[in-house]
All heavy atoms as atom14 arrays in JSON, in Angstrom:
{
  "sequence": "FLLEDKNRQIVAAIPSIVNTCQIEYLSTQAVVN",
  "atom14_mask": [
    [1, 1, 1, 1, 1, 1, 1, 1, 1, 1, 1, 0, 0, 0],
    [1, 1, 1, 1, 1, 1, 1, 1, 0, 0, 0, 0, 0, 0],
    [1, 1, 1, 1, 1, 1, 1, 1, 0, 0, 0, 0, 0, 0],
    [1, 1, 1, 1, 1, 1, 1, 1, 1, 0, 0, 0, 0, 0],
    [1, 1, 1, 1, 1, 1, 1, 1, 0, 0, 0, 0, 0, 0],
    [1, 1, 1, 1, 1, 1, 1, 1, 1, 0, 0, 0, 0, 0],
    [1, 1, 1, 1, 1, 1, 1, 1, 0, 0, 0, 0, 0, 0],
    [1, 1, 1, 1, 1, 1, 1, 1, 1, 1, 1, 0, 0, 0],
    [1, 1, 1, 1, 1, 1, 1, 1, 1, 0, 0, 0, 0, 0],
    [1, 1, 1, 1, 1, 1, 1, 1, 0, 0, 0, 0, 0, 0],
    [1, 1, 1, 1, 1, 1, 1, 0, 0, 0, 0, 0, 0, 0],
    [1, 1, 1, 1, 1, 0, 0, 0, 0, 0, 0, 0, 0, 0],
    [1, 1, 1, 1, 1, 0, 0, 0, 0, 0, 0, 0, 0, 0],
    [1, 1, 1, 1, 1, 1, 1, 1, 0, 0, 0, 0, 0, 0],
    [1, 1, 1, 1, 1, 1, 1, 0, 0, 0, 0, 0, 0, 0],
    [1, 1, 1, 1, 1, 1, 0, 0, 0, 0, 0, 0, 0, 0],
    [1, 1, 1, 1, 1, 1, 1, 1, 0, 0, 0, 0, 0, 0],
    [1, 1, 1, 1, 1, 1, 1, 0, 0, 0, 0, 0, 0, 0],
    [1, 1, 1, 1, 1, 1, 1, 1, 0, 0, 0, 0, 0, 0],
    [1, 1, 1, 1, 1, 1, 1, 0, 0, 0, 0, 0, 0, 0],
    [1, 1, 1, 1, 1, 1, 0, 0, 0, 0, 0, 0, 0, 0],
    [1, 1, 1, 1, 1, 1, 1, 1, 1, 0, 0, 0, 0, 0],
    [1, 1, 1, 1, 1, 1, 1, 1, 0, 0, 0, 0, 0, 0],
    [1, 1, 1, 1, 1, 1, 1, 1, 1, 0, 0, 0, 0, 0],
    [1, 1, 1, 1, 1, 1, 1, 1, 1, 1, 1, 1, 0, 0],
    [1, 1, 1, 1, 1, 1, 1, 1, 0, 0, 0, 0, 0, 0],
    [1, 1, 1, 1, 1, 1, 0, 0, 0, 0, 0, 0, 0, 0],
    [1, 1, 1, 1, 1, 1, 1, 0, 0, 0, 0, 0, 0, 0],
    [1, 1, 1, 1, 1, 1, 1, 1, 1, 0, 0, 0, 0, 0],
    [1, 1, 1, 1, 1, 0, 0, 0, 0, 0, 0, 0, 0, 0],
    [1, 1, 1, 1, 1, 1, 1, 0, 0, 0, 0, 0, 0, 0],
    [1, 1, 1, 1, 1, 1, 1, 0, 0, 0, 0, 0, 0, 0],
    [1, 1, 1, 1, 1, 1, 1, 1, 0, 0, 0, 0, 0, 0]
  ],
  "atom14_positions": [
    [[-183.17, -106.8, -134.42], [-184.63, -106.71, -134.53], [-185.13, -105.88, -133.35], [-185.0, -106.29, -132.19], [-185.27, -108.1, -134.53], [-184.92, -108.93, -135.72], [-183.76, -109.71, -135.73], [-185.74, -108.95, -136.84], [-183.43, -110.48, -136.83], [-185.42, -109.72, -137.95], [-184.26, -110.49, -137.95], [0.0, 0.0, 0.0], [0.0, 0.0, 0.0], [0.0, 0.0, 0.0]],
    [[-185.69, -104.72, -133.63], [-186.2, -103.82, -132.59], [-187.62, -104.2, -132.22], [-188.44, -104.51, -133.08], [-186.13, -102.37, -133.07], [-184.76, -101.89, -133.55], [-184.82, -100.42, -133.95], [-183.69, -102.11, -132.48], [0.0, 0.0, 0.0], [0.0, 0.0, 0.0], [0.0, 0.0, 0.0], [0.0, 0.0, 0.0], [0.0, 0.0, 0.0], [0.0, 0.0, 0.0]],
    [[-187.92, -104.15, -130.91], [-189.2, -104.67, -130.43], [-190.07, -103.65, -129.7], [-191.2, -103.98, -129.33], [-188.94, -105.86, -129.5], [-188.34, -107.12, -130.13], [-188.05, -108.15, -129.05], [-189.27, -107.7, -131.18], [0.0, 0.0, 0.0], [0.0, 0.0, 0.0], [0.0, 0.0, 0.0], [0.0, 0.0, 0.0], [0.0, 0.0, 0.0], [0.0, 0.0, 0.0]],
    [[-189.59, -102.45, -129.44], [-190.34, -101.54, -128.58], [-191.73, -101.24, -129.13], [-192.71, -101.19, -128.39], [-189.55, -100.26, -128.35], [-188.33, -100.48, -127.47], [-187.76, -99.19, -126.91], [-188.55, -98.37, -126.39], [-186.54, -99.0, -126.99], [0.0, 0.0, 0.0], [0.0, 0.0, 0.0], [0.0, 0.0, 0.0], [0.0, 0.0, 0.0], [0.0, 0.0, 0.0]],
    [[-191.85, -101.02, -130.43], [-193.16, -100.76, -131.01], [-194.07, -101.97, -130.86], [-195.27, -101.83, -130.54], [-193.02, -100.39, -132.49], [-192.49, -98.97, -132.68], [-192.53, -98.19, -131.71], [-192.02, -98.66, -133.8], [0.0, 0.0, 0.0], [0.0, 0.0, 0.0], [0.0, 0.0, 0.0], [0.0, 0.0, 0.0], [0.0, 0.0, 0.0], [0.0, 0.0, 0.0]],
    [[-193.54, -103.16, -131.08], [-194.33, -104.38, -130.92], [-194.76, -104.54, -129.47], [-195.9, -104.94, -129.19], [-193.53, -105.6, -131.39], [-193.25, -105.63, -132.89], [-192.27, -106.72, -133.27], [-192.87, -108.11, -133.16], [-191.94, -109.15, -133.66], [0.0, 0.0, 0.0], [0.0, 0.0, 0.0], [0.0, 0.0, 0.0], [0.0, 0.0, 0.0], [0.0, 0.0, 0.0]],
    [[-193.86, -104.25, -128.53], [-194.2, -104.36, -127.12], [-195.39, -103.47, -126.77], [-196.31, -103.87, -126.04], [-193.0, -103.98, -126.25], [-191.83, -104.93, -126.42], [-191.99, -106.08, -126.87], [-190.63, -104.47, -126.08], [0.0, 0.0, 0.0], [0.0, 0.0, 0.0], [0.0, 0.0, 0.0], [0.0, 0.0, 0.0], [0.0, 0.0, 0.0], [0.0, 0.0, 0.0]],
    [[-195.39, -102.23, -127.26], [-196.47, -101.3, -126.97], [-197.79, -101.77, -127.57], [-198.85, -101.64, -126.96], [-196.12, -99.91, -127.48], [-195.03, -99.25, -126.68], [-194.86, -97.77, -127.04], [-193.73, -97.25, -126.3], [-192.47, -97.33, -126.72], [-192.21, -97.89, -127.88], [-191.49, -96.84, -126.0], [0.0, 0.0, 0.0], [0.0, 0.0, 0.0], [0.0, 0.0, 0.0]],
    [[-197.71, -102.31, -128.78], [-198.93, -102.8, -129.42], [-199.52, -103.97, -128.63], [-200.74, -104.08, -128.49], [-198.62, -103.25, -130.85], [-198.28, -102.12, -131.79], [-197.91, -102.63, -133.18], [-198.67, -103.36, -133.81], [-196.73, -102.25, -133.65], [0.0, 0.0, 0.0], [0.0, 0.0, 0.0], [0.0, 0.0, 0.0], [0.0, 0.0, 0.0], [0.0, 0.0, 0.0]],
    [[-198.66, -104.83, -128.11], [-199.14, -105.98, -127.34], [-199.8, -105.5, -126.05], [-200.9, -105.96, -125.68], [-197.96, -106.94, -127.03], [-197.49, -107.63, -128.32], [-198.37, -107.98, -125.99], [-196.16, -108.33, -128.18], [0.0, 0.0, 0.0], [0.0, 0.0, 0.0], [0.0, 0.0, 0.0], [0.0, 0.0, 0.0], [0.0, 0.0, 0.0], [0.0, 0.0, 0.0]],
    [[-199.14, -104.6, -125.36], [-199.7, -104.07, -124.12], [-201.04, -103.39, -124.36], [-202.01, -103.56, -123.61], [-198.7, -103.11, -123.45], [-199.35, -102.4, -122.26], [-197.46, -103.85, -123.0], [0.0, 0.0, 0.0], [0.0, 0.0, 0.0], [0.0, 0.0, 0.0], [0.0, 0.0, 0.0], [0.0, 0.0, 0.0], [0.0, 0.0, 0.0], [0.0, 0.0, 0.0]],
    [[-201.13, -102.63, -125.44], [-202.37, -101.93, -125.76], [-203.51, -102.89, -126.08], [-204.69, -102.59, -125.83], [-202.15, -100.99, -126.94], [0.0, 0.0, 0.0], [0.0, 0.0, 0.0], [0.0, 0.0, 0.0], [0.0, 0.0, 0.0], [0.0, 0.0, 0.0], [0.0, 0.0, 0.0], [0.0, 0.0, 0.0], [0.0, 0.0, 0.0], [0.0, 0.0, 0.0]],
    [[-203.17, -104.07, -126.6], [-204.19, -105.03, -127.01], [-204.63, -105.96, -125.89], [-205.63, -106.67, -126.03], [-203.66, -105.86, -128.19], [0.0, 0.0, 0.0], [0.0, 0.0, 0.0], [0.0, 0.0, 0.0], [0.0, 0.0, 0.0], [0.0, 0.0, 0.0], [0.0, 0.0, 0.0], [0.0, 0.0, 0.0], [0.0, 0.0, 0.0], [0.0, 0.0, 0.0]],
    [[-203.9, -105.97, -124.76], [-204.23, -106.88, -123.65], [-204.47, -106.05, -122.39], [-203.53, -105.71, -121.66], [-203.1, -107.92, -123.42], [-202.81, -108.69, -124.71], [-203.48, -108.89, -122.3], [-201.65, -109.66, -124.61], [0.0, 0.0, 0.0], [0.0, 0.0, 0.0], [0.0, 0.0, 0.0], [0.0, 0.0, 0.0], [0.0, 0.0, 0.0], [0.0, 0.0, 0.0]],
    [[-205.7, -105.7, -122.1], [-206.0, -104.78, -121.0], [-205.68, -105.33, -119.61], [-205.6, -104.56, -118.65], [-207.5, -104.52, -121.16], [-208.02, -105.66, -121.97], [-206.9, -106.08, -122.87], [0.0, 0.0, 0.0], [0.0, 0.0, 0.0], [0.0, 0.0, 0.0], [0.0, 0.0, 0.0], [0.0, 0.0, 0.0], [0.0, 0.0, 0.0], [0.0, 0.0, 0.0]],
    [[-205.5, -106.63, -119.48], [-205.21, -107.21, -118.16], [-203.82, -106.85, -117.66], [-203.54, -106.97, -116.46], [-205.35, -108.74, -118.23], [-204.4, -109.28, -119.14], [0.0, 0.0, 0.0], [0.0, 0.0, 0.0], [0.0, 0.0, 0.0], [0.0, 0.0, 0.0], [0.0, 0.0, 0.0], [0.0, 0.0, 0.0], [0.0, 0.0, 0.0], [0.0, 0.0, 0.0]],
    [[-202.91, -106.43, -118.55], [-201.53, -106.13, -118.16], [-201.5, -104.83, -117.35], [-201.86, -103.76, -117.84], [-200.62, -106.02, -119.4], [-200.56, -107.36, -120.14], [-199.21, -105.58, -118.99], [-199.8, -107.31, -121.46], [0.0, 0.0, 0.0], [0.0, 0.0, 0.0], [0.0, 0.0, 0.0], [0.0, 0.0, 0.0], [0.0, 0.0, 0.0], [0.0, 0.0, 0.0]],
    [[-201.02, -104.94, -116.1], [-200.97, -103.77, -115.23], [-199.57, -103.16, -115.17], [-199.41, -102.0, -114.78], [-201.44, -104.1, -113.8], [-202.88, -104.59, -113.81], [-200.54, -105.14, -113.14], [0.0, 0.0, 0.0], [0.0, 0.0, 0.0], [0.0, 0.0, 0.0], [0.0, 0.0, 0.0], [0.0, 0.0, 0.0], [0.0, 0.0, 0.0], [0.0, 0.0, 0.0]],
    [[-198.55, -103.93, -115.53], [-197.19, -103.39, -115.56], [-196.36, -104.21, -116.54], [-196.58, -105.43, -116.68], [-196.55, -103.41, -114.18], [-195.45, -102.36, -114.04], [-194.88, -101.9, -115.02], [-195.17, -101.97, -112.8], [0.0, 0.0, 0.0], [0.0, 0.0, 0.0], [0.0, 0.0, 0.0], [0.0, 0.0, 0.0], [0.0, 0.0, 0.0], [0.0, 0.0, 0.0]],
    [[-195.42, -103.54, -117.19], [-194.56, -104.18, -118.17], [-193.11, -103.87, -117.83], [-192.74, -102.7, -117.66], [-194.86, -103.67, -119.6], [-196.2, -103.98, -119.92], [-193.93, -104.31, -120.61], [0.0, 0.0, 0.0], [0.0, 0.0, 0.0], [0.0, 0.0, 0.0], [0.0, 0.0, 0.0], [0.0, 0.0, 0.0], [0.0, 0.0, 0.0], [0.0, 0.0, 0.0]],
    [[-192.31, -104.92, -117.73], [-190.88, -104.75, -117.49], [-190.13, -105.0, -118.8], [-190.23, -106.09, -119.37], [-190.38, -105.72, -116.42], [-188.58, -105.73, -116.25], [0.0, 0.0, 0.0], [0.0, 0.0, 0.0], [0.0, 0.0, 0.0], [0.0, 0.0, 0.0], [0.0, 0.0, 0.0], [0.0, 0.0, 0.0], [0.0, 0.0, 0.0], [0.0, 0.0, 0.0]],
    [[-189.4, -103.97, -119.25], [-188.63, -104.12, -120.48], [-187.15, -104.22, -120.15], [-186.6, -103.39, -119.43], [-188.88, -102.95, -121.43], [-188.09, -103.07, -122.74], [-188.5, -102.04, -123.76], [-189.5, -102.21, -124.45], [-187.75, -100.96, -123.85], [0.0, 0.0, 0.0], [0.0, 0.0, 0.0], [0.0, 0.0, 0.0], [0.0, 0.0, 0.0], [0.0, 0.0, 0.0]],
    [[-186.49, -105.23, -120.71], [-185.05, -105.44, -120.54], [-184.34, -104.76, -121.71], [-184.68, -104.98, -122.87], [-184.73, -106.94, -120.52], [-185.46, -107.63, -119.36], [-183.23, -107.19, -120.43], [-185.6, -109.12, -119.52], [0.0, 0.0, 0.0], [0.0, 0.0, 0.0], [0.0, 0.0, 0.0], [0.0, 0.0, 0.0], [0.0, 0.0, 0.0], [0.0, 0.0, 0.0]],
    [[-183.37, -103.92, -121.4], [-182.61, -103.22, -122.45], [-181.5, -104.16, -122.92], [-180.33, -103.99, -122.6], [-182.05, -101.91, -121.91], [-183.11, -100.95, -121.4], [-184.08, -100.53, -122.5], [-183.64, -100.06, -123.55], [-185.31, -100.7, -122.28], [0.0, 0.0, 0.0], [0.0, 0.0, 0.0], [0.0, 0.0, 0.0], [0.0, 0.0, 0.0], [0.0, 0.0, 0.0]],
    [[-181.89, -105.14, -123.72], [-180.96, -106.18, -124.16], [-180.13, -105.74, -125.36], [-178.98, -106.13, -125.52], [-181.78, -107.44, -124.51], [-180.97, -108.62, -124.99], [-179.8, -109.02, -124.34], [-181.4, -109.37, -126.09], [-179.09, -110.12, -124.78], [-180.7, -110.48, -126.53], [-179.54, -110.85, -125.87], [-178.84, -111.94, -126.32], [0.0, 0.0, 0.0], [0.0, 0.0, 0.0]],
    [[-180.69, -104.9, -126.2], [-180.04, -104.48, -127.44], [-179.73, -102.99, -127.36], [-180.59, -102.18, -127.02], [-180.97, -104.76, -128.63], [-180.36, -104.74, -130.02], [-179.34, -105.87, -130.19], [-181.46, -104.88, -131.07], [0.0, 0.0, 0.0], [0.0, 0.0, 0.0], [0.0, 0.0, 0.0], [0.0, 0.0, 0.0], [0.0, 0.0, 0.0], [0.0, 0.0, 0.0]],
    [[-178.5, -102.63, -127.67], [-178.14, -101.21, -127.72], [-178.77, -100.6, -128.96], [-178.5, -101.04, -130.08], [-176.62, -101.04, -127.78], [-176.02, -101.57, -126.62], [0.0, 0.0, 0.0], [0.0, 0.0, 0.0], [0.0, 0.0, 0.0], [0.0, 0.0, 0.0], [0.0, 0.0, 0.0], [0.0, 0.0, 0.0], [0.0, 0.0, 0.0], [0.0, 0.0, 0.0]],
    [[-179.63, -99.62, -128.76], [-180.35, -99.02, -129.9], [-180.2, -97.51, -129.87], [-179.89, -96.9, -128.83], [-181.84, -99.37, -129.86], [-182.45, -98.66, -128.77], [-182.07, -100.85, -129.7], [0.0, 0.0, 0.0], [0.0, 0.0, 0.0], [0.0, 0.0, 0.0], [0.0, 0.0, 0.0], [0.0, 0.0, 0.0], [0.0, 0.0, 0.0], [0.0, 0.0, 0.0]],
    [[-180.46, -96.92, -131.02], [-180.43, -95.47, -131.15], [-181.86, -94.91, -131.26], [-182.06, -93.77, -131.66], [-179.64, -95.07, -132.4], [-178.2, -95.57, -132.4], [-177.41, -95.03, -131.22], [-177.52, -93.85, -130.89], [-176.61, -95.88, -130.59], [0.0, 0.0, 0.0], [0.0, 0.0, 0.0], [0.0, 0.0, 0.0], [0.0, 0.0, 0.0], [0.0, 0.0, 0.0]],
    [[-182.84, -95.77, -130.95], [-184.24, -95.35, -131.1], [-184.56, -94.18, -130.18], [-184.15, -94.15, -129.02], [-185.17, -96.53, -130.81], [0.0, 0.0, 0.0], [0.0, 0.0, 0.0], [0.0, 0.0, 0.0], [0.0, 0.0, 0.0], [0.0, 0.0, 0.0], [0.0, 0.0, 0.0], [0.0, 0.0, 0.0], [0.0, 0.0, 0.0], [0.0, 0.0, 0.0]],
    [[-185.27, -93.22, -130.71], [-185.68, -92.05, -129.93], [-187.12, -92.27, -129.47], [-188.03, -92.42, -130.28], [-185.58, -90.76, -130.76], [-186.06, -89.58, -129.93], [-184.14, -90.55, -131.22], [0.0, 0.0, 0.0], [0.0, 0.0, 0.0], [0.0, 0.0, 0.0], [0.0, 0.0, 0.0], [0.0, 0.0, 0.0], [0.0, 0.0, 0.0], [0.0, 0.0, 0.0]],
    [[-187.32, -92.31, -128.17], [-188.65, -92.54, -127.62], [-188.98, -91.39, -126.67], [-188.19, -91.06, -125.79], [-188.69, -93.89, -126.85], [-190.09, -94.14, -126.31], [-188.23, -95.04, -127.74], [0.0, 0.0, 0.0], [0.0, 0.0, 0.0], [0.0, 0.0, 0.0], [0.0, 0.0, 0.0], [0.0, 0.0, 0.0], [0.0, 0.0, 0.0], [0.0, 0.0, 0.0]],
    [[-190.13, -90.75, -126.85], [-190.47, -89.63, -125.97], [-190.88, -90.12, -124.59], [-191.22, -91.28, -124.4], [-191.57, -88.75, -126.61], [-192.89, -89.49, -126.73], [-193.38, -90.06, -125.76], [-193.48, -89.46, -127.92], [0.0, 0.0, 0.0], [0.0, 0.0, 0.0], [0.0, 0.0, 0.0], [0.0, 0.0, 0.0], [0.0, 0.0, 0.0], [0.0, 0.0, 0.0]]
  ]
}
């Protein structure tokens, strides 16, 4: 289950978040610019 898109949506919806730490737990082939 890939979460990067969900993570971005959550951050965008909660303006109080000043920094987000993402753990690379799952090996993925997702291409992100």
